[in-house]
Amino acid sequence: MIARWRLLGWLVSGLMFLPFTVSAASPHDLTIAPSGSISCATPSSERIDCFVLGDDKQVWQRSWQSSAGWGNWQGLGLSQFSLDLGGGVSAITRSSTSLDIFVSGKQGSFINLYQRTWDGTSWSSWNSLGGPGTADIYETSCTSASATSIQCFARTSDNHLWQKVWNGSTWTVWSDLGAFISVGPFKGLAAVNYGSDNVMIYAIGSDGHAYRRFYEGGTWFDWVDDGNPSSSLLHQTSCHRQASNALSCTFSDTAGAVWVRTWESGGWSSFMMLAELPSAATGVAIAHYLDTGTMVIANASNGKLYRTFRNDATSAWTSWIDDGRPQDLQIFIPIAQKPN
């Protein structure tokens, strides 16, 4: 039976001229990679696209629209390089019709960065952006301020933070932003734009603290230690900008709890813990919708995704909703489709 599905997958792939191969994983075996493996982007205020890495070593996509709710999982196919599941996926949007996803993978001596773009009609093939050339990329977070701007940040095996920038036509070479502070390697990374050219980075140190760094007026400022909200160590983070330029960041900790922190013109709020998940969180993502709404999606230790949301800053967060995983929906033949 599996052989029949494989054959059908190859035939469909050839007919559609798809730039990738068919997954050989059984839908009954698929689960979401356990760490750093979820990212969401918002092409418009009424749409959210979320991406995860499956243990079948492909990227899976699920989309939400205010008028239709959540669609089905879509597998984006196997890559021609060895996908690094521990590196996670970073998703951004540059317009109402575009999406870019970034993953790390090995092809040659080092683990490098790869990009794939949705142009409103179809997905491109994977494009290698290389790496620093001196160390493996362990984790990546990308952000965009406009249709012609992408900034990608990578932490590497030598404990440095690197940056690569796209100006609308070409990518710069990798630039070294220096070693992380003395507490050692960090384990979570989130980058977000605010204003026209400003960037904020959150990174988690080996001491479990959240460290923050800003780029403003052409200058990188030093790391600021924001601590951690409990005796448990933080270990993953995700940030998103709202239409009003407010920033929202979410964190998971080693006890499996999920925390949220926001920034507005008055400054940063305190860390707020959300309700306990049915299964401990191992990764988190945050996104905004309908201008004032906020959604948090957690990757849990049971391999499923859960979400909670609130429609505005004065509303209460909903209970966690079980969104399952690709295997629960029995998806097998991964064909790229326009996200619905």
Foldseek 3Di string as FASTA:
>chain_A
DLVVVQVVLVVVCVVVVAPAHFQSDFLQPKFFQQAQFKEWEAQAQFKIKMWGAIPSGWIKIWMQGNVPGIDAIFTNHHAPFAFDRQQYKEWYYAHSQKIKIKTWTDDPDETFIWIWMGRNFFIDHIDTPGDLVPFHFRYKYKEALHNQKIKMWTQTPVQWIWIWIGRNDDIDHIDTPGHDDDLDHWAEWEWYDFDRDKIKMWTAGPVLWIWIWIQPPNDTDDIDTPGDDDPFGWHYKYKYAFPQRKIKMWTFTPVQWIWIWIQDPVGIDDIDTDDHDPARFNYKYKDHHPRAKIKIWTQGPVRWIWMWIDRHPVGDIDPIDTPGGNSVVRDGNRDIGRHD
